[in-house]
C-alpha atoms as a PDB file:
ATOM      1  CA  MET A   1     -27.323   3.500 -34.331  1.00  0.00           C
ATOM      2  CA  SER A   2     -25.320   2.714 -37.474  1.00  0.00           C
ATOM      3  CA  PRO A   3     -25.623  -0.766 -39.055  1.00  0.00           C
ATOM      4  CA  ASP A   4     -21.976  -1.425 -38.243  1.00  0.00           C
ATOM      5  CA  PRO A   5     -21.472   0.285 -34.858  1.00  0.00           C
ATOM      6  CA  ARG A   6     -18.100   0.936 -33.299  1.00  0.00           C
ATOM      7  CA  CYS A   7     -17.417  -0.570 -29.876  1.00  0.00           C
ATOM      8  CA  ALA A   8     -14.613   0.477 -27.526  1.00  0.00           C
ATOM      9  CA  VAL A   9     -13.442  -2.109 -24.989  1.00  0.00           C
ATOM     10  CA  LEU A  10     -11.684  -0.207 -22.215  1.00  0.00           C
ATOM     11  CA  ASP A  11      -8.882  -1.145 -19.823  1.00  0.00           C
ATOM     12  CA  ASP A  12      -8.132  -4.483 -21.476  1.00  0.00           C
ATOM     13  CA  TYR A  13      -4.826  -4.625 -19.607  1.00  0.00           C
ATOM     14  CA  GLN A  14      -3.957  -8.165 -20.708  1.00  0.00           C
ATOM     15  CA  GLY A  15      -5.151  -7.719 -24.295  1.00  0.00           C
ATOM     16  CA  VAL A  16      -7.467 -10.734 -24.089  1.00  0.00           C
ATOM     17  CA  ALA A  17     -10.968  -9.267 -24.499  1.00  0.00           C
ATOM     18  CA  LEU A  18     -11.330  -9.648 -28.257  1.00  0.00           C
ATOM     19  CA  GLY A  19     -10.262 -13.284 -28.134  1.00  0.00           C
ATOM     20  CA  LEU A  20     -12.730 -14.330 -25.448  1.00  0.00           C
ATOM     21  CA  ALA A  21     -15.965 -13.627 -27.327  1.00  0.00           C
ATOM     22  CA  ASP A  22     -17.422 -13.214 -30.816  1.00  0.00           C
ATOM     23  CA  TRP A  23     -17.456  -9.470 -31.527  1.00  0.00           C
ATOM     24  CA  SER A  24     -18.412  -9.850 -35.192  1.00  0.00           C
ATOM     25  CA  ARG A  25     -21.571  -7.721 -34.925  1.00  0.00           C
ATOM     26  CA  VAL A  26     -19.542  -4.613 -34.108  1.00  0.00           C
ATOM     27  CA  ARG A  27     -16.245  -2.989 -35.033  1.00  0.00           C
ATOM     28  CA  ALA A  28     -14.509  -3.587 -31.724  1.00  0.00           C
ATOM     29  CA  THR A  29     -11.353  -1.792 -30.627  1.00  0.00           C
ATOM     30  CA  SER A  30      -9.464  -2.758 -27.484  1.00  0.00           C
ATOM     31  CA  PHE A  31      -7.787  -0.073 -25.363  1.00  0.00           C
ATOM     32  CA  ARG A  32      -5.174  -1.668 -23.141  1.00  0.00           C
ATOM     33  CA  GLU A  33      -3.801   1.318 -21.242  1.00  0.00           C
ATOM     34  CA  PRO A  34      -5.730   3.325 -18.638  1.00  0.00           C
ATOM     35  CA  PHE A  35      -6.642   6.871 -19.590  1.00  0.00           C
ATOM     36  CA  ALA A  36      -4.676   9.552 -17.768  1.00  0.00           C
ATOM     37  CA  SER A  37      -7.538  12.069 -17.797  1.00  0.00           C
ATOM     38  CA  THR A  38     -11.145  12.641 -18.796  1.00  0.00           C
ATOM     39  CA  ASP A  39      -9.936  14.583 -21.815  1.00  0.00           C
ATOM     40  CA  GLU A  40      -7.893  11.585 -22.946  1.00  0.00           C
ATOM     41  CA  LEU A  41     -10.876   9.245 -22.492  1.00  0.00           C
ATOM     42  CA  VAL A  42     -13.230  11.510 -24.454  1.00  0.00           C
ATOM     43  CA  ALA A  43     -10.731  11.985 -27.271  1.00  0.00           C
ATOM     44  CA  ALA A  44     -10.306   8.225 -27.601  1.00  0.00           C
ATOM     45  CA  VAL A  45     -13.959   7.143 -27.584  1.00  0.00           C
ATOM     46  CA  ARG A  46     -15.976  10.150 -28.791  1.00  0.00           C
ATOM     47  CA  ASP A  47     -16.820   8.429 -32.098  1.00  0.00           C
ATOM     48  CA  PHE A  48     -17.890   5.126 -30.540  1.00  0.00           C
ATOM     49  CA  GLU A  49     -21.560   4.232 -30.068  1.00  0.00           C
ATOM     50  CA  ILE A  50     -20.864   1.358 -27.657  1.00  0.00           C
ATOM     51  CA  VAL A  51     -18.380   1.206 -24.792  1.00  0.00           C
ATOM     52  CA  VAL A  52     -17.527  -1.803 -22.637  1.00  0.00           C
ATOM     53  CA  ALA A  53     -16.037  -0.811 -19.281  1.00  0.00           C
ATOM     54  CA  MET A  54     -14.081  -3.133 -17.033  1.00  0.00           C
ATOM     55  CA  ARG A  55     -15.566  -2.776 -13.560  1.00  0.00           C
ATOM     56  CA  GLU A  56     -14.747   0.649 -12.053  1.00  0.00           C
ATOM     57  CA  ARG A  57     -11.399   1.208 -13.733  1.00  0.00           C
ATOM     58  CA  THR A  58     -12.660   4.135 -15.842  1.00  0.00           C
ATOM     59  CA  PRO A  59     -15.241   6.432 -14.203  1.00  0.00           C
ATOM     60  CA  PHE A  60     -18.256   7.671 -16.159  1.00  0.00           C
ATOM     61  CA  PRO A  61     -19.546  10.739 -14.287  1.00  0.00           C
ATOM     62  CA  ALA A  62     -22.059  13.182 -15.772  1.00  0.00           C
ATOM     63  CA  GLU A  63     -19.251  15.213 -17.342  1.00  0.00           C
ATOM     64  CA  VAL A  64     -18.224  12.283 -19.525  1.00  0.00           C
ATOM     65  CA  PHE A  65     -21.761  11.629 -20.792  1.00  0.00           C
ATOM     66  CA  ASP A  66     -22.036  15.348 -21.628  1.00  0.00           C
ATOM     67  CA  ARG A  67     -19.048  14.991 -23.927  1.00  0.00           C
ATOM     68  CA  LEU A  68     -19.950  11.690 -25.641  1.00  0.00           C
ATOM     69  CA  PRO A  69     -23.017  12.510 -27.758  1.00  0.00           C
ATOM     70  CA  ASN A  70     -22.591   9.396 -29.938  1.00  0.00           C
ATOM     71  CA  LEU A  71     -22.665   6.941 -27.018  1.00  0.00           C
ATOM     72  CA  ARG A  72     -25.789   4.772 -26.944  1.00  0.00           C
ATOM     73  CA  LEU A  73     -24.827   1.671 -24.949  1.00  0.00           C
ATOM     74  CA  LEU A  74     -22.433   1.354 -21.998  1.00  0.00           C
ATOM     75  CA  VAL A  75     -21.753  -2.175 -20.782  1.00  0.00           C
ATOM     76  CA  THR A  76     -20.061  -2.666 -17.441  1.00  0.00           C
ATOM     77  CA  THR A  77     -18.657  -6.000 -16.357  1.00  0.00           C
ATOM     78  CA  GLY A  78     -20.566  -7.085 -13.268  1.00  0.00           C
ATOM     79  CA  MET A  79     -24.038  -6.002 -12.242  1.00  0.00           C
ATOM     80  CA  SER A  80     -23.097  -2.859 -10.322  1.00  0.00           C
ATOM     81  CA  ASN A  81     -20.645  -0.037 -10.919  1.00  0.00           C
ATOM     82  CA  ALA A  82     -20.311   2.871  -8.494  1.00  0.00           C
ATOM     83  CA  ALA A  83     -18.183   4.745 -11.051  1.00  0.00           C
ATOM     84  CA  ILE A  84     -21.079   5.173 -13.499  1.00  0.00           C
ATOM     85  CA  ASP A  85     -23.588   7.988 -13.011  1.00  0.00           C
ATOM     86  CA  LEU A  86     -26.721   6.071 -14.010  1.00  0.00           C
ATOM     87  CA  GLU A  87     -28.945   9.148 -13.750  1.00  0.00           C
ATOM     88  CA  ALA A  88     -26.702  11.039 -16.163  1.00  0.00           C
ATOM     89  CA  ALA A  89     -26.691   8.040 -18.513  1.00  0.00           C
ATOM     90  CA  ARG A  90     -30.494   8.008 -18.598  1.00  0.00           C
ATOM     91  CA  ALA A  91     -30.614  11.768 -19.139  1.00  0.00           C
ATOM     92  CA  HIS A  92     -28.390  11.363 -22.196  1.00  0.00           C
ATOM     93  CA  GLY A  93     -30.312   8.404 -23.595  1.00  0.00           C
ATOM     94  CA  VAL A  94     -27.540   5.897 -22.823  1.00  0.00           C
ATOM     95  CA  THR A  95     -28.549   2.360 -21.857  1.00  0.00           C
ATOM     96  CA  VAL A  96     -26.299   0.786 -19.222  1.00  0.00           C
ATOM     97  CA  SER A  97     -26.140  -3.015 -19.087  1.00  0.00           C
ATOM     98  CA  GLY A  98     -24.179  -5.350 -16.838  1.00  0.00           C
ATOM     99  CA  THR A  99     -22.825  -8.874 -17.036  1.00  0.00           C
ATOM    100  CA  GLY A 100     -22.562 -11.941 -14.918  1.00  0.00           C
ATOM    101  CA  GLY A 101     -19.391 -12.808 -13.051  1.00  0.00           C
ATOM    102  CA  GLY A 102     -18.051 -14.874 -10.206  1.00  0.00           C
ATOM    103  CA  TRP A 103     -16.753 -14.104  -6.736  1.00  0.00           C
ATOM    104  CA  THR A 104     -14.770 -17.201  -5.793  1.00  0.00           C
ATOM    105  CA  SER A 105     -11.643 -15.758  -7.395  1.00  0.00           C
ATOM    106  CA  THR A 106     -11.627 -13.006  -4.755  1.00  0.00           C
ATOM    107  CA  VAL A 107     -11.827 -15.624  -2.015  1.00  0.00           C
ATOM    108  CA  GLU A 108      -8.811 -17.363  -3.525  1.00  0.00           C
ATOM    109  CA  LEU A 109      -6.806 -14.148  -3.816  1.00  0.00           C
ATOM    110  CA  THR A 110      -7.640 -13.263  -0.210  1.00  0.00           C
ATOM    111  CA  TRP A 111      -6.026 -16.477   0.916  1.00  0.00           C
ATOM    112  CA  ALA A 112      -3.073 -15.983  -1.419  1.00  0.00           C
ATOM    113  CA  LEU A 113      -2.406 -12.679   0.357  1.00  0.00           C
ATOM    114  CA  ILE A 114      -2.907 -14.144   3.829  1.00  0.00           C
ATOM    115  CA  LEU A 115      -0.584 -17.056   3.158  1.00  0.00           C
ATOM    116  CA  GLY A 116       1.955 -14.862   1.400  1.00  0.00           C
ATOM    117  CA  LEU A 117       2.121 -12.560   4.404  1.00  0.00           C
ATOM    118  CA  ALA A 118       2.114 -15.282   7.029  1.00  0.00           C
ATOM    119  CA  ARG A 119       4.956 -17.239   5.415  1.00  0.00           C
ATOM    120  CA  HIS A 120       6.893 -14.233   4.026  1.00  0.00           C
ATOM    121  CA  LEU A 121       6.762 -15.774   0.546  1.00  0.00           C
ATOM    122  CA  VAL A 122       7.882 -12.703  -1.399  1.00  0.00           C
ATOM    123  CA  PRO A 123      11.066 -11.882   0.566  1.00  0.00           C
ATOM    124  CA  GLU A 124      12.013 -15.553   0.836  1.00  0.00           C
ATOM    125  CA  ALA A 125      11.415 -16.270  -2.873  1.00  0.00           C
ATOM    126  CA  THR A 126      13.197 -13.053  -3.866  1.00  0.00           C
ATOM    127  CA  ALA A 127      16.218 -13.935  -1.735  1.00  0.00           C
ATOM    128  CA  LEU A 128      16.359 -17.424  -3.210  1.00  0.00           C
ATOM    129  CA  ARG A 129      16.283 -16.084  -6.782  1.00  0.00           C
ATOM    130  CA  ALA A 130      19.011 -13.560  -5.963  1.00  0.00           C
ATOM    131  CA  ASP A 131      21.286 -16.187  -4.361  1.00  0.00           C
ATOM    132  CA  GLY A 132      20.646 -14.430  -1.070  1.00  0.00           C
ATOM    133  CA  PRO A 133      20.203 -15.774   2.478  1.00  0.00           C
ATOM    134  CA  TRP A 134      18.830 -19.279   2.825  1.00  0.00           C
ATOM    135  CA  GLN A 135      15.945 -18.750   5.282  1.00  0.00           C
ATOM    136  CA  GLN A 136      15.678 -15.396   6.995  1.00  0.00           C
ATOM    137  CA  THR A 137      12.173 -15.272   8.468  1.00  0.00           C
ATOM    138  CA  LEU A 138       9.915 -17.196  10.826  1.00  0.00           C
ATOM    139  CA  GLY A 139       6.477 -17.924   9.459  1.00  0.00           C
ATOM    140  CA  THR A 140       3.267 -17.211  11.336  1.00  0.00           C
ATOM    141  CA  ASP A 141       1.226 -20.324  12.134  1.00  0.00           C
ATOM    142  CA  LEU A 142      -2.438 -19.987  11.207  1.00  0.00           C
ATOM    143  CA  HIS A 143      -3.696 -23.004  13.145  1.00  0.00           C
ATOM    144  CA  GLY A 144      -5.104 -21.840  16.456  1.00  0.00           C
ATOM    145  CA  ARG A 145      -4.997 -18.147  15.506  1.00  0.00           C
ATOM    146  CA  THR A 146      -8.019 -15.865  15.176  1.00  0.00           C
ATOM    147  CA  LEU A 147      -9.308 -14.720  11.802  1.00  0.00           C
ATOM    148  CA  GLY A 148     -11.487 -11.609  12.032  1.00  0.00           C
ATOM    149  CA  LEU A 149     -13.848 -10.956   9.130  1.00  0.00           C
ATOM    150  CA  LEU A 150     -15.440  -7.585   8.481  1.00  0.00           C
ATOM    151  CA  GLY A 151     -18.439  -8.787   6.519  1.00  0.00           C
ATOM    152  CA  LEU A 152     -19.811 -12.297   6.198  1.00  0.00           C
ATOM    153  CA  GLY A 153     -21.580 -12.297   2.850  1.00  0.00           C
ATOM    154  CA  ARG A 154     -20.817 -14.630  -0.058  1.00  0.00           C
ATOM    155  CA  ILE A 155     -17.096 -13.878  -0.062  1.00  0.00           C
ATOM    156  CA  GLY A 156     -16.651 -13.543   3.685  1.00  0.00           C
ATOM    157  CA  SER A 157     -18.453 -16.839   4.304  1.00  0.00           C
ATOM    158  CA  GLN A 158     -16.122 -18.698   1.952  1.00  0.00           C
ATOM    159  CA  VAL A 159     -13.071 -17.041   3.495  1.00  0.00           C
ATOM    160  CA  ALA A 160     -14.407 -18.237   6.850  1.00  0.00           C
ATOM    161  CA  ALA A 161     -14.718 -21.806   5.560  1.00  0.00           C
ATOM    162  CA  VAL A 162     -11.070 -21.862   4.498  1.00  0.00           C
ATOM    163  CA  GLY A 163     -10.048 -20.364   7.835  1.00  0.00           C
ATOM    164  CA  ARG A 164     -11.822 -23.170   9.656  1.00  0.00           C
ATOM    165  CA  ALA A 165     -10.056 -25.704   7.411  1.00  0.00           C
ATOM    166  CA  PHE A 166      -6.756 -24.240   8.633  1.00  0.00           C
ATOM    167  CA  GLY A 167      -7.925 -24.687  12.218  1.00  0.00           C
ATOM    168  CA  MET A 168      -8.486 -20.989  12.874  1.00  0.00           C
ATOM    169  CA  ASP A 169     -11.020 -19.457  15.241  1.00  0.00           C
ATOM    170  CA  VAL A 170     -13.227 -17.243  13.069  1.00  0.00           C
ATOM    171  CA  LEU A 171     -14.746 -14.008  14.371  1.00  0.00           C
ATOM    172  CA  ALA A 172     -17.089 -11.902  12.245  1.00  0.00           C
ATOM    173  CA  TRP A 173     -18.778  -8.534  12.477  1.00  0.00           C
ATOM    174  CA  SER A 174     -20.904  -6.189  10.439  1.00  0.00           C
ATOM    175  CA  ARG A 175     -23.647  -3.826  11.525  1.00  0.00           C
ATOM    176  CA  ASN A 176     -26.485  -6.138  10.525  1.00  0.00           C
ATOM    177  CA  LEU A 177     -24.872  -9.493  11.211  1.00  0.00           C
ATOM    178  CA  THR A 178     -26.793 -11.727  13.627  1.00  0.00           C
ATOM    179  CA  ARG A 179     -25.448 -14.431  15.900  1.00  0.00           C
ATOM    180  CA  GLU A 180     -27.474 -17.024  14.013  1.00  0.00           C
ATOM    181  CA  ARG A 181     -26.102 -15.987  10.629  1.00  0.00           C
ATOM    182  CA  ALA A 182     -22.540 -15.978  11.954  1.00  0.00           C
ATOM    183  CA  GLU A 183     -22.930 -19.451  13.414  1.00  0.00           C
ATOM    184  CA  GLU A 184     -24.391 -20.759  10.146  1.00  0.00           C
ATOM    185  CA  ALA A 185     -21.141 -19.673   8.461  1.00  0.00           C
ATOM    186  CA  GLY A 186     -19.026 -21.284  11.168  1.00  0.00           C
ATOM    187  CA  ALA A 187     -18.019 -18.020  12.834  1.00  0.00           C
ATOM    188  CA  ARG A 188     -18.531 -16.360  16.199  1.00  0.00           C
ATOM    189  CA  LEU A 189     -20.234 -12.973  16.233  1.00  0.00           C
ATOM    190  CA  ALA A 190     -17.894 -10.348  17.660  1.00  0.00           C
ATOM    191  CA  PRO A 191     -19.651  -7.994  20.114  1.00  0.00           C
ATOM    192  CA  GLY A 192     -18.485  -5.016  18.077  1.00  0.00           C
ATOM    193  CA  LEU A 193     -15.932  -3.700  15.604  1.00  0.00           C
ATOM    194  CA  ASP A 194     -13.469  -2.771  18.324  1.00  0.00           C
ATOM    195  CA  ALA A 195     -13.606  -6.244  19.865  1.00  0.00           C
ATOM    196  CA  LEU A 196     -13.011  -7.899  16.493  1.00  0.00           C
ATOM    197  CA  LEU A 197      -9.994  -5.722  15.712  1.00  0.00           C
ATOM    198  CA  ALA A 198      -8.426  -6.151  19.137  1.00  0.00           C
ATOM    199  CA  GLY A 199      -9.002  -9.894  19.236  1.00  0.00           C
ATOM    200  CA  SER A 200      -7.872 -10.948  15.763  1.00  0.00           C
ATOM    201  CA  ASP A 201      -4.498 -12.045  14.441  1.00  0.00           C
ATOM    202  CA  ILE A 202      -5.596 -11.521  10.834  1.00  0.00           C
ATOM    203  CA  VAL A 203      -8.353  -9.100   9.830  1.00  0.00           C
ATOM    204  CA  SER A 204      -9.852  -9.426   6.353  1.00  0.00           C
ATOM    205  CA  VAL A 205     -12.266  -6.857   4.866  1.00  0.00           C
ATOM    206  CA  HIS A 206     -15.325  -8.081   2.938  1.00  0.00           C
ATOM    207  CA  LEU A 207     -17.837  -5.256   3.251  1.00  0.00           C
ATOM    208  CA  VAL A 208     -19.670  -3.354   0.548  1.00  0.00           C
ATOM    209  CA  LEU A 209     -18.564   0.268   0.265  1.00  0.00           C
ATOM    210  CA  GLY A 210     -21.286   2.709   1.248  1.00  0.00           C
ATOM    211  CA  ASP A 211     -21.939   5.683   3.469  1.00  0.00           C
ATOM    212  CA  ARG A 212     -21.788   3.531   6.616  1.00  0.00           C
ATOM    213  CA  THR A 213     -18.584   1.718   5.699  1.00  0.00           C
ATOM    214  CA  ARG A 214     -16.519   4.482   4.092  1.00  0.00           C
ATOM    215  CA  GLY A 215     -13.614   5.198   6.467  1.00  0.00           C
ATOM    216  CA  LEU A 216     -14.902   2.559   8.884  1.00  0.00           C
ATOM    217  CA  VAL A 217     -11.366   1.573   9.877  1.00  0.00           C
ATOM    218  CA  GLY A 218      -9.445   4.734  10.681  1.00  0.00           C
ATOM    219  CA  ALA A 219      -6.445   5.628  12.844  1.00  0.00           C
ATOM    220  CA  ARG A 220      -8.301   4.885  16.097  1.00  0.00           C
ATOM    221  CA  GLU A 221      -9.436   1.478  14.877  1.00  0.00           C
ATOM    222  CA  LEU A 222      -6.036   0.555  13.458  1.00  0.00           C
ATOM    223  CA  ALA A 223      -4.509   1.312  16.858  1.00  0.00           C
ATOM    224  CA  LEU A 224      -6.635  -1.503  18.317  1.00  0.00           C
ATOM    225  CA  LEU A 225      -4.872  -4.130  16.200  1.00  0.00           C
ATOM    226  CA  LYS A 226      -2.118  -6.196  17.765  1.00  0.00           C
ATOM    227  CA  PRO A 227       1.374  -5.220  16.582  1.00  0.00           C
ATOM    228  CA  THR A 228       1.653  -8.817  15.327  1.00  0.00           C
ATOM    229  CA  ALA A 229      -1.592  -8.638  13.320  1.00  0.00           C
ATOM    230  CA  TYR A 230      -2.080  -8.511   9.562  1.00  0.00           C
ATOM    231  CA  LEU A 231      -4.781  -6.548   7.727  1.00  0.00           C
ATOM    232  CA  VAL A 232      -6.025  -7.801   4.352  1.00  0.00           C
ATOM    233  CA  ASN A 233      -8.306  -5.806   2.035  1.00  0.00           C
ATOM    234  CA  THR A 234      -9.661  -7.250  -1.204  1.00  0.00           C
ATOM    235  CA  SER A 235     -12.941  -5.312  -0.994  1.00  0.00           C
ATOM    236  CA  ARG A 236     -12.730  -1.512  -1.398  1.00  0.00           C
ATOM    237  CA  ALA A 237      -9.857   0.729  -0.398  1.00  0.00           C
ATOM    238  CA  ALA A 238     -12.027   3.494   1.055  1.00  0.00           C
ATOM    239  CA  ILE A 239     -13.304   1.235   3.851  1.00  0.00           C
ATOM    240  CA  VAL A 240      -9.860   1.644   5.447  1.00  0.00           C
ATOM    241  CA  ASP A 241      -8.274   5.081   5.882  1.00  0.00           C
ATOM    242  CA  GLN A 242      -5.344   4.765   3.479  1.00  0.00           C
ATOM    243  CA  SER A 243      -3.152   7.451   5.046  1.00  0.00           C
ATOM    244  CA  ALA A 244      -3.670   6.042   8.533  1.00  0.00           C
ATOM    245  CA  LEU A 245      -2.890   2.534   7.295  1.00  0.00           C
ATOM    246  CA  ALA A 246       0.317   3.669   5.591  1.00  0.00           C
ATOM    247  CA  ALA A 247       1.409   5.459   8.785  1.00  0.00           C
ATOM    248  CA  ALA A 248       0.729   2.380  10.930  1.00  0.00           C
ATOM    249  CA  LEU A 249       2.746   0.209   8.551  1.00  0.00           C
ATOM    250  CA  ARG A 250       5.647   2.680   8.334  1.00  0.00           C
ATOM    251  CA  GLU A 251       5.815   2.885  12.114  1.00  0.00           C
ATOM    252  CA  GLY A 252       5.597  -0.875  12.619  1.00  0.00           C
ATOM    253  CA  ARG A 253       2.370  -0.711  14.599  1.00  0.00           C
ATOM    254  CA  LEU A 254       1.087  -3.792  12.790  1.00  0.00           C
ATOM    255  CA  ALA A 255       2.964  -6.651  11.198  1.00  0.00           C
ATOM    256  CA  GLY A 256       1.812  -6.075   7.667  1.00  0.00           C
ATOM    257  CA  ALA A 257      -0.974  -5.669   5.159  1.00  0.00           C
ATOM    258  CA  GLY A 258      -2.165  -7.551   2.100  1.00  0.00           C
ATOM    259  CA  LEU A 259      -3.803  -5.118  -0.307  1.00  0.00           C
ATOM    260  CA  ASP A 260      -5.539  -5.579  -3.651  1.00  0.00           C
ATOM    261  CA  VAL A 261      -7.525  -2.315  -3.740  1.00  0.00           C
ATOM    262  CA  PHE A 262      -6.374   1.302  -3.634  1.00  0.00           C
ATOM    263  CA  ASP A 263      -7.830   4.820  -3.599  1.00  0.00           C
ATOM    264  CA  GLN A 264      -6.096   5.538  -6.882  1.00  0.00           C
ATOM    265  CA  GLU A 265      -5.633   2.855  -9.518  1.00  0.00           C
ATOM    266  CA  PRO A 266      -3.199   2.253 -11.060  1.00  0.00           C
ATOM    267  CA  LEU A 267      -1.229   3.010  -7.919  1.00  0.00           C
ATOM    268  CA  PRO A 268       1.181   5.932  -8.522  1.00  0.00           C
ATOM    269  CA  ALA A 269       4.878   5.161  -8.856  1.00  0.00           C
ATOM    270  CA  GLY A 270       6.734   5.389  -5.563  1.00  0.00           C
ATOM    271  CA  HIS A 271       3.571   5.112  -3.449  1.00  0.00           C
ATOM    272  CA  ASP A 272       4.052   3.729   0.074  1.00  0.00           C
ATOM    273  CA  PHE A 273       2.047   0.629  -0.778  1.00  0.00           C
ATOM    274  CA  ARG A 274       4.483  -0.116  -3.607  1.00  0.00           C
ATOM    275  CA  THR A 275       7.559   0.258  -1.406  1.00  0.00           C
ATOM    276  CA  LEU A 276       6.851  -0.597   2.241  1.00  0.00           C
ATOM    277  CA  PRO A 277       8.537  -3.919   3.098  1.00  0.00           C
ATOM    278  CA  ASN A 278       5.610  -5.089   5.240  1.00  0.00           C
ATOM    279  CA  VAL A 279       3.051  -4.702   2.431  1.00  0.00           C
ATOM    280  CA  LEU A 280       2.119  -7.482   0.019  1.00  0.00           C
ATOM    281  CA  ALA A 281       0.208  -5.670  -2.721  1.00  0.00           C
ATOM    282  CA  THR A 282      -1.398  -6.881  -5.937  1.00  0.00           C
ATOM    283  CA  PRO A 283      -2.854  -4.673  -8.716  1.00  0.00           C
ATOM    284  CA  HIS A 284      -6.582  -5.299  -8.083  1.00  0.00           C
ATOM    285  CA  LEU A 285      -6.537  -8.925  -9.205  1.00  0.00           C
ATOM    286  CA  GLY A 286      -9.489 -10.158  -7.140  1.00  0.00           C
ATOM    287  CA  TYR A 287     -11.831 -10.610 -10.121  1.00  0.00           C
ATOM    288  CA  VAL A 288      -9.085 -11.099 -12.735  1.00  0.00           C
ATOM    289  CA  SER A 289      -9.366 -14.784 -13.615  1.00  0.00           C
ATOM    290  CA  GLU A 290      -9.951 -16.813 -16.773  1.00  0.00           C
ATOM    291  CA  ARG A 291     -13.492 -17.851 -15.874  1.00  0.00           C
ATOM    292  CA  ASN A 292     -14.577 -14.363 -14.820  1.00  0.00           C
ATOM    293  CA  TYR A 293     -13.167 -12.701 -17.921  1.00  0.00           C
ATOM    294  CA  ALA A 294     -14.790 -15.250 -20.225  1.00  0.00           C
ATOM    295  CA  THR A 295     -18.143 -14.557 -18.544  1.00  0.00           C
ATOM    296  CA  PHE A 296     -17.642 -10.790 -18.633  1.00  0.00           C
ATOM    297  CA  PHE A 297     -16.931 -10.527 -22.331  1.00  0.00           C
ATOM    298  CA  ARG A 298     -19.347 -13.178 -23.569  1.00  0.00           C
ATOM    299  CA  ASP A 299     -22.132 -11.520 -21.594  1.00  0.00           C
ATOM    300  CA  ALA A 300     -21.024  -8.119 -22.907  1.00  0.00           C
ATOM    301  CA  VAL A 301     -21.418  -9.406 -26.464  1.00  0.00           C
ATOM    302  CA  ASP A 302     -24.857 -10.790 -25.558  1.00  0.00           C
ATOM    303  CA  ASP A 303     -25.801  -7.375 -24.122  1.00  0.00           C
ATOM    304  CA  ILE A 304     -24.722  -5.701 -27.358  1.00  0.00           C
ATOM    305  CA  GLY A 305     -26.676  -8.159 -29.493  1.00  0.00           C
ATOM    306  CA  ALA A 306     -29.815  -7.683 -27.401  1.00  0.00           C
ATOM    307  CA  PHE A 307     -29.483  -3.911 -27.581  1.00  0.00           C
ATOM    308  CA  LEU A 308     -29.005  -3.935 -31.351  1.00  0.00           C
ATOM    309  CA  GLY A 309     -32.056  -6.207 -31.577  1.00  0.00           C
ATOM    310  CA  GLY A 310     -34.149  -3.652 -29.708  1.00  0.00           C
ATOM    311  CA  SER A 311     -34.541  -5.605 -26.449  1.00  0.00           C
ATOM    312  CA  PRO A 312     -31.765  -4.623 -24.005  1.00  0.00           C
ATOM    313  CA  ILE A 313     -30.971  -7.106 -21.235  1.00  0.00           C
ATOM    314  CA  ARG A 314     -29.391  -6.839 -17.783  1.00  0.00           C
ATOM    315  CA  VAL A 315     -30.154  -3.108 -17.722  1.00  0.00           C
ATOM    316  CA  LEU A 316     -28.868  -1.292 -14.616  1.00  0.00           C
ATOM    317  CA  THR A 317     -31.294   1.110 -12.967  1.00  0.00           C
END
C-alpha cells in the first residue's frame, strides 16, 4: 500500500460523500454515475487501492477482482452485501469491511409509498401543478383496513406499529414467524402466505432475499390479491416476480404498487414500472437519508484508517 493511497467512492449519485467525512488520509475521488459495464468499472478504478461501494449498486463478482490487481481494501456501506464475492476477495488478498447504518428510513419510505398510493398524491399533485382537474380521485381509507406484512423483523415490526396507529388490522407471515412473536409486534399471525395475500388490503414486503424467498410471490400468489389491493416492496425486487407483477398491474388485477427496488438498477428508460399509471416508484431511496449517509461515510473513513494502521475493523467474512 502506498503512503498516499487512492480511494474511489462509487455511485455517489448526489455528490455528497466527500463532504460528509474527513478523507484527508487518502486521495479520494467520487464517481457519481453508475458504470454501464464491468469494463467501464475496471477502466475507472484499476489504479485505486481502496474502493468504497454504496450498498449493492455496483457488483463485485470474481471477474472484477481478477481485473483489479491493485485493490487492497473494499468498503461496503452496511454490514452485508450480496453483490460482493467475499471468497474471491479473500483469494485476491482484498479485505472487505462494512459500516454501520440505520433502518428507520426504510420504514418511513414504506409509509410514504403506502400513503401516496392510498391518496393518489402524485396524480392529484401533478394535476394541480398543471392547472388540471380539481379533485379527480377517491382516496382509500386506511383505518379499519388490513395491512399484510411479509416479514416482521426490525423494519416490519415498525411498519406494523404505524399501521396500528392508523387503526389498521395487521396480519404478518414468514416461514419462521411464531404466533407469540407476531403478537409481541401487535400483529396477528396469518395461517399461511396465501391467507395473508387474500386477506390484505395492502401487502408490504420486508423479507430478506435468499433461496427460500426468491420468487416467493409469483403469478399464482399475485392472483390471490384483491383487485382493490396495493403491493409495496421496499425490500428486494427478486422476492416478487417482476414480470408477473407488471402483467397484473397492466391488466388491472390489482389497484397498484409502490416500488423502491428493481431487478435492474437504474431502471431502464421506458420500463413498465416507470410508465404504468398505477405504479408509484422511487429510485431505491429506502436507505438514502442524511443520517444514514453520514454514518456510512464516516464509518468508511474509520475502516480505511484502521486498515492503513494494520488493524482492519468491521471485516466481512
